[in-house]
């Protein structure tokens, strides 16, 4: 494979022979944004952004190195190292959430921030506050857009330089995006920026900022989002198809429409699309859709299974859902917030004092508990997934997590193996379903794996496993 890239720099060749070839490219676009980069970010057949080589550009990229800015290269600094440099002077460190100065759970009391947000409205409030206080000139975040023949994407990173534009970028978007275009815009347009993104994207921006003085000077704040994993475009297509909107006819999607008097994790999914030459708008509860469960990992990027950062450990502040018993019943939504930047902490404390924010102080352990499932998958699960890669001699990124295989039982190992299978099979099965024009093909293909997965959670299986373990222990002691 290296012969393909022999005319390119060693850094580019290594990137493609490891990260890209191994399926670890998250499509963030930072490698494509470096000066004279021969890399483009393109959408693959499964609806995932990925690095590709621009053969018309024979530049020898070495400054900055594409490996140094790639969040999955294994060459770049890890989250602990970046966090220590940025936050150790003012913050404490927690093994699961990284550095923290203050932690909160709650929501925005003023205006319609909470109403228009996916959760408590804190993400939009903090970037609006930074803008209103004159600390930034614009925000880089994801906006919805109307798809066209030349640009079929439903969402893209955009620059917002007004309160109205900032508020229009509210809501969670479970959709692939990339940053190369918007980072190029930052270089061309002087100003002070805040950027909002998932953990690996924020990490990539931090790495780029160390290599690129212009980016480092202009991006003043990084706002992180608690992340389960990134989805391909097919996640949106799957919901649309179940509403009778065929692939290519989806105009917009609201992944998190609040349903009054329901638990916060029971939200609506709203589809707008063309159906029989008419525009339709359909909303259903997420629980009424096939494939909504995040634990199944449909349309997940493989890179997400090799990321150990759930709480955006390199961001100045991170916001997510407060999946804690005392908050989850509130259908209006509640945020969990981790602050690492003293200036942002001052803004939040001022907001609490003035009654604009309704926030409780919570511990680092409570923050971790609110994301327990995701952290367990990215720590215990990752340790085992790394073992599986090493066992067959496959290249994989260097991680902070120690490789292990005896720290979990046989049932949990099988769960993690089936999650890998469900994620990979969802891409190919949906592609085939589109080819034959039948959603049931996708469903029947996935049901076989899901049945095996669900069986592992059944009480009968657990009882059988306990009996087997007891017999093994008994036989050991009787020797």
Protein backbone atom coordinates (compact mmCIF):
# COMPACT_ATOMS: atom_id res chain seq x y z
CA UNK A 1 0.00 0.00 0.00
CA UNK A 2 2.86 2.40 0.72
CA UNK A 3 3.76 2.51 -3.01
CA UNK A 4 0.57 4.46 -3.60
CA UNK A 5 1.91 7.24 -1.46
CA UNK A 6 5.61 7.05 -2.28
CA UNK A 7 5.56 10.53 -3.85
CA UNK A 8 4.00 12.02 -0.75
CA UNK A 9 5.65 12.83 2.57
CA UNK A 10 6.46 10.12 5.08
CA UNK A 11 3.90 11.59 7.50
CA UNK A 12 1.09 11.32 4.95
CA UNK A 13 2.11 7.79 3.98
CA UNK A 14 2.15 6.71 7.63
CA UNK A 15 -1.25 8.30 8.28
CA UNK A 16 -2.87 6.41 5.42
CA UNK A 17 -1.14 3.11 6.15
CA UNK A 18 -2.17 3.10 9.81
CA UNK A 19 -5.08 5.36 10.82
CA UNK A 20 -6.97 5.38 7.53
CA UNK A 21 -6.26 1.80 6.43
CA UNK A 22 -7.10 0.53 9.91
CA UNK A 23 -10.48 2.27 9.98
CA UNK A 24 -9.54 4.70 12.76
CA UNK A 25 -10.11 7.94 10.83
CA UNK A 26 -12.94 9.93 12.42
CA UNK A 27 -13.09 12.34 9.49
CA UNK A 28 -12.52 15.42 11.65
CA UNK A 29 -10.71 17.19 8.80
CA UNK A 30 -7.82 18.65 10.79
CA UNK A 31 -5.18 16.78 8.74
CA UNK A 32 -6.74 18.24 5.59
CA UNK A 33 -6.63 21.75 7.03
CA UNK A 34 -2.86 21.96 7.54
CA UNK A 35 -0.91 24.13 5.13
CA UNK A 36 -0.25 22.51 1.73
CA UNK A 37 -1.97 19.30 2.84
CA UNK A 38 -2.50 16.73 0.05
CA UNK A 39 -5.51 15.37 1.96
CA UNK A 40 -9.20 15.83 1.31
CA UNK A 41 -12.10 14.76 3.52
CA UNK A 42 -14.71 12.85 1.57
CA UNK A 43 -17.85 10.90 2.35
CA UNK A 44 -17.52 7.14 1.84
CA UNK A 45 -20.22 4.81 0.54
CA UNK A 46 -21.47 4.21 4.07
CA UNK A 47 -22.02 7.90 4.85
CA UNK A 48 -18.85 8.46 6.92
CA UNK A 49 -16.31 11.24 6.47
CA UNK A 50 -12.78 9.94 5.95
CA UNK A 51 -9.40 11.24 4.80
CA UNK A 52 -8.54 10.65 1.13
CA UNK A 53 -5.51 11.60 -0.95
CA UNK A 54 -5.69 14.52 -3.37
CA UNK A 55 -3.52 13.20 -6.18
CA UNK A 56 -3.42 16.62 -7.84
CA UNK A 57 -1.45 17.94 -4.85
CA UNK A 58 2.05 16.47 -4.65
CA UNK A 59 3.17 18.69 -1.76
CA UNK A 60 5.43 17.23 0.90
CA UNK A 61 3.57 18.13 4.05
CA UNK A 62 5.83 18.30 7.06
CA UNK A 63 4.98 21.56 8.84
CA UNK A 64 2.82 20.96 10.72
CA UNK A 65 2.95 17.16 10.59
CA UNK A 66 -0.37 15.52 9.79
CA UNK A 67 0.44 12.85 12.37
CA UNK A 68 0.92 15.46 15.09
CA UNK A 69 -2.62 16.82 14.59
CA UNK A 70 -4.45 13.49 14.15
CA UNK A 71 -6.32 12.48 17.32
CA UNK A 72 -5.90 8.77 16.51
CA UNK A 73 -2.33 8.65 15.17
CA UNK A 74 -0.75 7.51 18.43
CA UNK A 75 2.01 10.03 17.73
CA UNK A 76 0.21 13.07 19.08
CA UNK A 77 -0.10 14.00 22.76
CA UNK A 78 -2.90 12.24 24.64
CA UNK A 79 -5.73 13.81 26.64
CA UNK A 80 -3.86 13.61 29.96
CA UNK A 81 -0.86 15.41 28.52
CA UNK A 82 -2.93 18.11 26.82
CA UNK A 83 -5.10 18.54 29.91
CA UNK A 84 -2.11 18.81 32.23
CA UNK A 85 -0.58 21.58 30.13
CA UNK A 86 -3.84 23.51 29.88
CA UNK A 87 -5.58 22.98 33.23
CA UNK A 88 -3.33 21.52 35.94
CA UNK A 89 -2.53 24.92 37.47
CA UNK A 90 -6.13 25.56 38.55
CA UNK A 91 -7.83 22.16 38.44
CA UNK A 92 -7.97 18.82 40.20
CA UNK A 93 -7.75 15.58 38.25
CA UNK A 94 -10.26 12.72 38.26
CA UNK A 95 -9.42 9.39 36.65
CA UNK A 96 -12.67 9.26 34.65
CA UNK A 97 -13.57 12.86 33.81
CA UNK A 98 -10.09 14.42 33.60
CA UNK A 99 -9.28 17.84 35.04
CA UNK A 100 -12.07 19.86 36.67
CA UNK A 101 -12.43 23.19 38.40
CA UNK A 102 -16.17 22.95 39.14
CA UNK A 103 -18.99 20.57 38.27
CA UNK A 104 -22.69 21.33 37.98
CA UNK A 105 -26.04 19.83 37.06
CA UNK A 106 -29.06 21.90 36.11
CA UNK A 107 -30.43 24.17 33.42
CA UNK A 108 -30.73 27.71 32.07
CA UNK A 109 -33.57 29.66 33.68
CA UNK A 110 -33.64 32.68 31.39
CA UNK A 111 -35.26 33.11 27.98
CA UNK A 112 -35.77 30.02 25.79
CA UNK A 113 -32.34 28.41 26.05
CA UNK A 114 -33.67 25.30 27.77
CA UNK A 115 -36.73 25.04 25.53
CA UNK A 116 -34.68 25.18 22.34
CA UNK A 117 -31.82 23.00 23.57
CA UNK A 118 -31.55 19.23 23.56
CA UNK A 119 -31.14 19.24 27.32
CA UNK A 120 -30.78 22.10 29.80
CA UNK A 121 -29.63 24.75 27.32
CA UNK A 122 -26.18 25.26 28.86
CA UNK A 123 -24.19 24.74 25.67
CA UNK A 124 -25.86 27.58 23.81
CA UNK A 125 -25.97 29.77 26.93
CA UNK A 126 -22.23 29.67 27.52
CA UNK A 127 -21.26 30.56 23.94
CA UNK A 128 -23.90 33.30 23.90
CA UNK A 129 -22.49 34.63 27.15
CA UNK A 130 -18.93 34.61 25.81
CA UNK A 131 -20.15 36.55 22.78
CA UNK A 132 -22.29 39.01 24.79
CA UNK A 133 -19.42 39.74 27.16
CA UNK A 134 -17.16 40.62 24.23
CA UNK A 135 -14.80 37.70 24.85
CA UNK A 136 -15.25 36.25 21.35
CA UNK A 137 -16.25 37.58 17.95
CA UNK A 138 -17.81 34.40 16.59
CA UNK A 139 -18.64 30.76 17.32
CA UNK A 140 -17.74 27.74 15.21
CA UNK A 141 -20.47 25.12 15.61
CA UNK A 142 -22.77 22.81 13.69
CA UNK A 143 -25.82 24.16 11.88
CA UNK A 144 -28.53 22.48 9.89
CA UNK A 145 -28.78 23.23 6.18
CA UNK A 146 -31.10 22.40 3.33
CA UNK A 147 -29.55 19.63 1.21
CA UNK A 148 -28.96 20.19 -2.49
CA UNK A 149 -27.71 18.31 -5.53
CA UNK A 150 -24.22 19.72 -4.98
CA UNK A 151 -24.24 19.37 -1.19
CA UNK A 152 -26.48 16.59 0.17
CA UNK A 153 -25.37 17.04 3.80
CA UNK A 154 -27.99 18.00 6.41
CA UNK A 155 -25.47 19.59 8.80
CA UNK A 156 -22.15 21.42 8.53
CA UNK A 157 -19.84 23.48 10.71
CA UNK A 158 -20.58 27.17 10.28
CA UNK A 159 -19.38 30.43 11.83
CA UNK A 160 -21.98 32.38 13.84
CA UNK A 161 -21.29 36.07 14.47
CA UNK A 162 -24.59 37.16 16.01
CA UNK A 163 -26.84 36.05 18.88
CA UNK A 164 -29.54 34.92 16.45
CA UNK A 165 -27.09 32.77 14.48
CA UNK A 166 -25.63 31.31 17.68
CA UNK A 167 -29.09 30.33 18.95
CA UNK A 168 -29.94 28.81 15.55
CA UNK A 169 -27.10 26.33 16.14
CA UNK A 170 -28.66 24.85 19.28
CA UNK A 171 -29.49 21.13 19.58
CA UNK A 172 -27.56 17.88 19.32
CA UNK A 173 -26.79 16.57 15.85
CA UNK A 174 -26.01 12.86 15.57
CA UNK A 175 -24.50 13.25 12.15
CA UNK A 176 -21.04 13.25 10.52
CA UNK A 177 -19.32 16.61 10.14
CA UNK A 178 -15.78 17.78 9.35
CA UNK A 179 -13.76 20.92 10.14
CA UNK A 180 -11.31 21.51 7.28
CA UNK A 181 -13.41 24.15 5.53
CA UNK A 182 -14.24 26.11 8.65
CA UNK A 183 -10.65 26.01 9.92
CA UNK A 184 -9.49 27.45 6.60
CA UNK A 185 -12.05 30.22 7.12
CA UNK A 186 -10.63 30.97 10.58
CA UNK A 187 -7.18 31.44 9.04
CA UNK A 188 -8.55 33.87 6.47
CA UNK A 189 -10.83 35.82 8.82
CA UNK A 190 -9.10 37.44 11.84
CA UNK A 191 -11.01 37.34 15.10
CA UNK A 192 -11.50 35.55 18.40
CA UNK A 193 -13.41 32.29 18.15
CA UNK A 194 -15.00 29.63 20.33
CA UNK A 195 -15.49 26.18 18.85
CA UNK A 196 -18.03 23.54 19.90
CA UNK A 197 -17.36 19.87 19.24
CA UNK A 198 -17.17 16.27 20.38
CA UNK A 199 -14.09 15.15 22.36
CA UNK A 200 -11.88 13.89 19.51
CA UNK A 201 -12.60 17.01 17.44
CA UNK A 202 -11.65 19.28 20.34
CA UNK A 203 -8.50 17.24 20.90
CA UNK A 204 -7.61 17.65 17.22
CA UNK A 205 -8.14 21.43 17.43
CA UNK A 206 -5.87 21.59 20.49
CA UNK A 207 -3.19 19.64 18.61
CA UNK A 208 -3.50 21.90 15.58
CA UNK A 209 -3.30 25.01 17.77
CA UNK A 210 0.11 23.89 19.02
CA UNK A 211 1.36 23.51 15.44
CA UNK A 212 -0.40 26.47 13.83
CA UNK A 213 0.11 29.89 15.53
CA UNK A 214 -2.86 31.48 13.74
CA UNK A 215 -5.28 28.79 14.92
CA UNK A 216 -3.74 28.90 18.38
CA UNK A 217 -4.20 32.66 18.64
CA UNK A 218 -7.71 32.86 17.14
CA UNK A 219 -9.50 29.94 18.77
CA UNK A 220 -9.80 31.20 22.34
CA UNK A 221 -12.27 28.72 23.85
CA UNK A 222 -13.09 25.06 23.24
CA UNK A 223 -16.57 23.93 24.28
CA UNK A 224 -16.85 20.13 24.49
CA UNK A 225 -19.85 17.84 24.22
CA UNK A 226 -20.16 14.61 26.20
CA UNK A 227 -20.03 11.93 23.52
CA UNK A 228 -21.40 8.42 23.12
CA UNK A 229 -20.10 7.98 19.58
CA UNK A 230 -20.31 9.60 16.15
CA UNK A 231 -22.90 8.39 13.62
CA UNK A 232 -22.86 8.12 9.85
CA UNK A 233 -25.49 9.78 7.65
CA UNK A 234 -27.32 6.45 7.63
CA UNK A 235 -28.50 6.99 11.20
CA UNK A 236 -30.73 9.83 9.99
CA UNK A 237 -31.69 7.87 6.88
CA UNK A 238 -32.77 4.92 9.02
CA UNK A 239 -35.26 7.03 10.98
CA UNK A 240 -36.52 8.75 7.82
CA UNK A 241 -37.06 5.45 6.00
CA UNK A 242 -39.24 4.19 8.85
CA UNK A 243 -41.42 7.29 8.34
CA UNK A 244 -41.78 6.57 4.63
CA UNK A 245 -39.14 9.09 3.53
CA UNK A 246 -36.69 7.42 1.16
CA UNK A 247 -32.95 8.01 1.14
CA UNK A 248 -32.21 11.27 -0.66
CA UNK A 249 -35.60 12.75 0.23
CA UNK A 250 -34.80 13.76 3.81
CA UNK A 251 -34.81 17.55 4.18
CA UNK A 252 -34.16 17.93 7.92
CA UNK A 253 -34.16 15.98 11.15
CA UNK A 254 -34.51 16.97 14.80
CA UNK A 255 -32.87 14.17 16.78
CA UNK A 256 -33.96 15.55 20.17
CA UNK A 257 -37.50 16.96 20.27
CA UNK A 258 -38.71 17.15 23.85
CA UNK A 259 -41.94 15.37 24.79
CA UNK A 260 -43.78 16.94 27.76
CA UNK A 261 -44.36 14.73 30.83
CA UNK A 262 -41.93 12.07 29.63
CA UNK A 263 -38.57 11.08 31.09
CA UNK A 264 -35.73 13.06 29.51
CA UNK A 265 -34.45 9.94 27.73
CA UNK A 266 -37.82 9.53 26.00
CA UNK A 267 -37.66 12.24 23.37
CA UNK A 268 -39.11 12.70 19.93
CA UNK A 269 -37.41 12.39 16.56
CA UNK A 270 -38.86 14.74 13.96
CA UNK A 271 -38.50 14.00 10.25
CA UNK A 272 -39.12 16.50 7.46
CA UNK A 273 -38.91 15.11 3.94
CA UNK A 274 -40.48 14.58 0.57
CA UNK A 275 -43.03 11.80 0.33
CA UNK A 276 -45.09 11.24 -2.82
CA UNK A 277 -44.16 14.71 -4.10
CA UNK A 278 -45.32 16.35 -0.89
CA UNK A 279 -43.37 17.70 2.05
CA UNK A 280 -44.24 15.84 5.25
CA UNK A 281 -43.34 16.42 8.89
CA UNK A 282 -43.51 13.36 11.14
CA UNK A 283 -42.62 13.09 14.84
CA UNK A 284 -42.42 9.86 16.82
CA UNK A 285 -40.96 8.89 20.17
CA UNK A 286 -37.43 7.56 19.89
CA UNK A 287 -38.66 4.35 21.52
CA UNK A 288 -40.95 3.75 18.53
CA UNK A 289 -38.06 3.56 16.09
CA UNK A 290 -36.02 0.50 15.22
CA UNK A 291 -32.34 1.09 15.93
CA UNK A 292 -32.63 3.97 18.40
CA UNK A 293 -30.69 2.25 21.22
CA UNK A 294 -27.21 3.73 21.58
CA UNK A 295 -25.88 0.56 23.18
CA UNK A 296 -26.41 -1.27 19.89
CA UNK A 297 -24.06 1.18 18.19
CA UNK A 298 -25.73 1.24 14.78
CA UNK A 299 -23.70 3.27 12.22
CA UNK A 300 -20.89 3.95 14.67
CA UNK A 301 -17.44 4.91 13.35
CA UNK A 302 -14.90 2.24 14.29
CA UNK A 303 -12.65 5.00 15.66
CA UNK A 304 -15.20 5.62 18.42
CA UNK A 305 -14.53 2.18 19.86
CA UNK A 306 -10.87 3.21 20.27
CA UNK A 307 -11.47 6.54 22.00
CA UNK A 308 -11.16 6.78 25.79
CA UNK A 309 -12.45 10.35 26.17
CA UNK A 310 -16.16 10.66 27.00
CA UNK A 311 -16.07 13.97 28.92
CA UNK A 312 -14.11 16.06 26.36
CA UNK A 313 -11.08 16.23 28.65
CA UNK A 314 -9.26 18.86 26.56
CA UNK A 315 -12.15 21.37 26.49
CA UNK A 316 -12.50 24.50 28.64
CA UNK A 317 -16.02 23.40 29.52
CA UNK A 318 -18.03 20.31 28.63
CA UNK A 319 -21.80 19.90 28.63
CA UNK A 320 -23.92 16.79 28.39
CA UNK A 321 -27.07 15.13 29.68
CA UNK A 322 -27.40 14.60 33.42
CA UNK A 323 -28.43 10.95 33.30
CA UNK A 324 -28.87 10.78 37.07
CA UNK A 325 -31.98 9.52 38.92
CA UNK A 326 -32.77 12.91 40.45
CA UNK A 327 -32.79 14.65 37.05
CA UNK A 328 -33.83 12.14 34.39
CA UNK A 329 -37.57 12.47 35.16
CA UNK A 330 -37.56 16.12 34.05
CA UNK A 331 -38.77 16.15 30.44
CA UNK A 332 -37.43 19.66 29.92
CA UNK A 333 -33.87 18.33 30.18
CA UNK A 334 -30.97 18.77 32.59
CA UNK A 335 -27.30 19.34 31.78
CA UNK A 336 -24.23 18.00 33.49
CA UNK A 337 -21.42 20.56 33.24
CA UNK A 338 -17.67 20.25 33.87
CA UNK A 339 -15.72 23.53 33.95
CA UNK A 340 -11.94 23.77 33.63
CA UNK A 341 -11.48 27.42 32.67
CA UNK A 342 -11.59 29.98 35.53
CA UNK A 343 -13.09 32.70 33.33
CA UNK A 344 -15.97 30.43 32.31
CA UNK A 345 -16.48 29.40 35.92
CA UNK A 346 -16.85 33.11 36.82
CA UNK A 347 -19.49 33.56 34.12
CA UNK A 348 -21.44 30.57 35.41
CA UNK A 349 -21.23 31.61 39.07
CA UNK A 350 -22.47 35.08 38.06
CA UNK A 351 -25.35 33.43 36.19
CA UNK A 352 -26.26 31.40 39.28
CA UNK A 353 -26.12 34.46 41.55
CA UNK A 354 -28.38 36.47 39.23
CA UNK A 355 -30.92 33.65 38.90
CA UNK A 356 -30.25 33.20 35.20
CA UNK A 357 -28.94 29.68 35.81
CA UNK A 358 -30.44 26.98 38.01
CA UNK A 359 -27.44 24.77 38.76
CA UNK A 360 -26.49 22.40 41.58
CA UNK A 361 -22.85 21.83 42.50
CA UNK A 362 -22.08 18.13 42.08
CA UNK A 363 -18.99 15.98 42.63
CA UNK A 364 -16.65 14.56 40.00
CA UNK A 365 -17.89 11.09 40.94
CA UNK A 366 -21.47 12.16 40.22
CA UNK A 367 -20.41 13.47 36.82
CA UNK A 368 -18.82 10.10 36.08
CA UNK A 369 -21.93 8.30 37.33
CA UNK A 370 -24.08 10.33 34.93
CA UNK A 371 -22.10 8.80 32.05
CA UNK A 372 -21.51 5.41 33.62
CA UNK A 373 -22.43 3.25 30.62
CA UNK A 374 -20.32 5.24 28.17
CA UNK A 375 -17.31 5.32 30.47
CA UNK A 376 -17.53 1.59 31.14
CA UNK A 377 -17.62 0.89 27.38
CA UNK A 378 -14.64 3.21 26.78
CA UNK A 379 -12.56 1.89 29.68
CA UNK A 380 -13.30 -1.77 30.47
CA UNK A 381 -14.52 -2.38 26.93
CA UNK A 382 -11.60 -0.60 25.30
CA UNK A 383 -9.06 -2.56 27.34
CA UNK A 384 -10.57 -5.75 25.91
CA UNK A 385 -10.88 -4.40 22.36
CA UNK A 386 -7.20 -3.43 22.43
CA UNK A 387 -6.40 -7.00 23.49
CA UNK A 388 -8.38 -8.35 20.53
CA UNK A 389 -6.42 -6.14 18.12
CA UNK A 390 -3.07 -7.06 19.67
CA UNK A 391 -3.98 -10.73 19.62
CA UNK A 392 -4.17 -10.74 15.82
CA UNK A 393 -1.29 -8.30 15.37
CA UNK A 394 -3.36 -5.44 13.94
CA UNK A 395 -2.18 -1.85 14.17
CA UNK A 396 -4.25 0.26 16.53
CA UNK A 397 -3.78 3.66 18.19
CA UNK A 398 -1.84 4.00 21.43
CA UNK A 399 -4.29 4.66 24.26
CA UNK A 400 -4.14 5.61 27.92
CA UNK A 401 -6.01 2.43 28.81
CA UNK A 402 -3.97 -0.64 29.75
CA UNK A 403 -4.56 -3.71 27.59
CA UNK A 404 -6.45 -6.36 29.58
CA UNK A 405 -8.56 -9.47 28.97
CA UNK A 406 -9.11 -11.06 32.39
CA UNK A 407 -10.67 -8.00 34.06
CA UNK A 408 -14.17 -8.87 32.78
CA UNK A 409 -16.16 -12.10 32.70
CA UNK A 410 -17.07 -14.21 29.66
CA UNK A 411 -20.51 -12.61 29.36
CA UNK A 412 -19.10 -9.10 29.23
CA UNK A 413 -16.50 -10.13 26.68
CA UNK A 414 -19.23 -11.50 24.45
CA UNK A 415 -21.23 -8.28 24.87
CA UNK A 416 -18.28 -6.19 23.68
CA UNK A 417 -17.64 -8.55 20.77
CA UNK A 418 -21.26 -8.36 19.65
CA UNK A 419 -21.21 -4.57 19.88
CA UNK A 420 -18.29 -4.55 17.45
CA UNK A 421 -20.25 -6.83 15.13
CA UNK A 422 -23.48 -4.80 15.36
CA UNK A 423 -21.68 -1.58 14.50
CA UNK A 424 -19.78 -2.98 11.51
CA UNK A 425 -22.71 -5.01 10.19
CA UNK A 426 -25.10 -2.05 10.38
CA UNK A 427 -23.08 -0.21 7.70
CA UNK A 428 -23.02 -3.08 5.21
CA UNK A 429 -26.56 -4.30 5.90
CA UNK A 430 -28.08 -0.85 5.41
CA UNK A 431 -26.10 -0.36 2.20
CA UNK A 432 -27.51 -3.65 0.90
CA UNK A 433 -31.04 -2.68 2.03
CA UNK A 434 -30.75 0.53 0.00
CA UNK A 435 -29.60 -1.50 -2.98
CA UNK A 436 -32.60 -3.84 -2.85
CA UNK A 437 -34.98 -1.07 -1.74
CA UNK A 438 -36.25 -2.91 1.33
CA UNK A 439 -35.84 -1.72 4.93
CA UNK A 440 -36.87 -5.16 6.21
CA UNK A 441 -33.66 -6.55 4.73
CA UNK A 442 -31.70 -4.32 7.09
CA UNK A 443 -33.92 -5.21 10.03
CA UNK A 444 -33.71 -8.97 9.48
CA UNK A 445 -29.93 -8.76 9.01
CA UNK A 446 -29.51 -6.96 12.32
CA UNK A 447 -32.10 -8.92 14.31
CA UNK A 448 -29.97 -12.07 14.35
CA UNK A 449 -27.13 -10.24 16.10
CA UNK A 450 -29.47 -8.27 18.38
CA UNK A 451 -31.14 -11.47 19.58
CA UNK A 452 -27.77 -12.89 20.62
CA UNK A 453 -26.92 -9.59 22.30
CA UNK A 454 -30.23 -9.33 24.17
CA UNK A 455 -29.93 -12.93 25.37
CA UNK A 456 -26.82 -11.99 27.31
CA UNK A 457 -28.93 -9.62 29.42
CA UNK A 458 -31.66 -12.13 30.23
CA UNK A 459 -31.96 -13.30 33.87
CA UNK A 460 -31.92 -16.97 32.75
CA UNK A 461 -28.54 -16.48 31.10
CA UNK A 462 -27.17 -14.73 34.18
CA UNK A 463 -28.36 -17.58 36.43
CA UNK A 464 -26.73 -20.13 34.11
CA UNK A 465 -23.49 -18.18 34.12
CA UNK A 466 -23.48 -17.98 37.92
CA UNK A 467 -24.00 -21.75 38.17
CA UNK A 468 -21.12 -22.39 35.79
CA UNK A 469 -18.83 -20.07 37.75
CA UNK A 470 -19.81 -21.75 41.03
CA UNK A 471 -18.98 -25.16 39.58
CA UNK A 472 -15.59 -23.90 38.40
CA UNK A 473 -14.81 -22.41 41.82
CA UNK A 474 -15.97 -25.56 43.59
CA UNK A 475 -13.82 -27.79 41.40
CA UNK A 476 -10.77 -25.61 42.07
CA UNK A 477 -11.21 -25.83 45.86
CA UNK A 478 -11.79 -29.61 45.76
CA UNK A 479 -8.48 -30.28 44.04
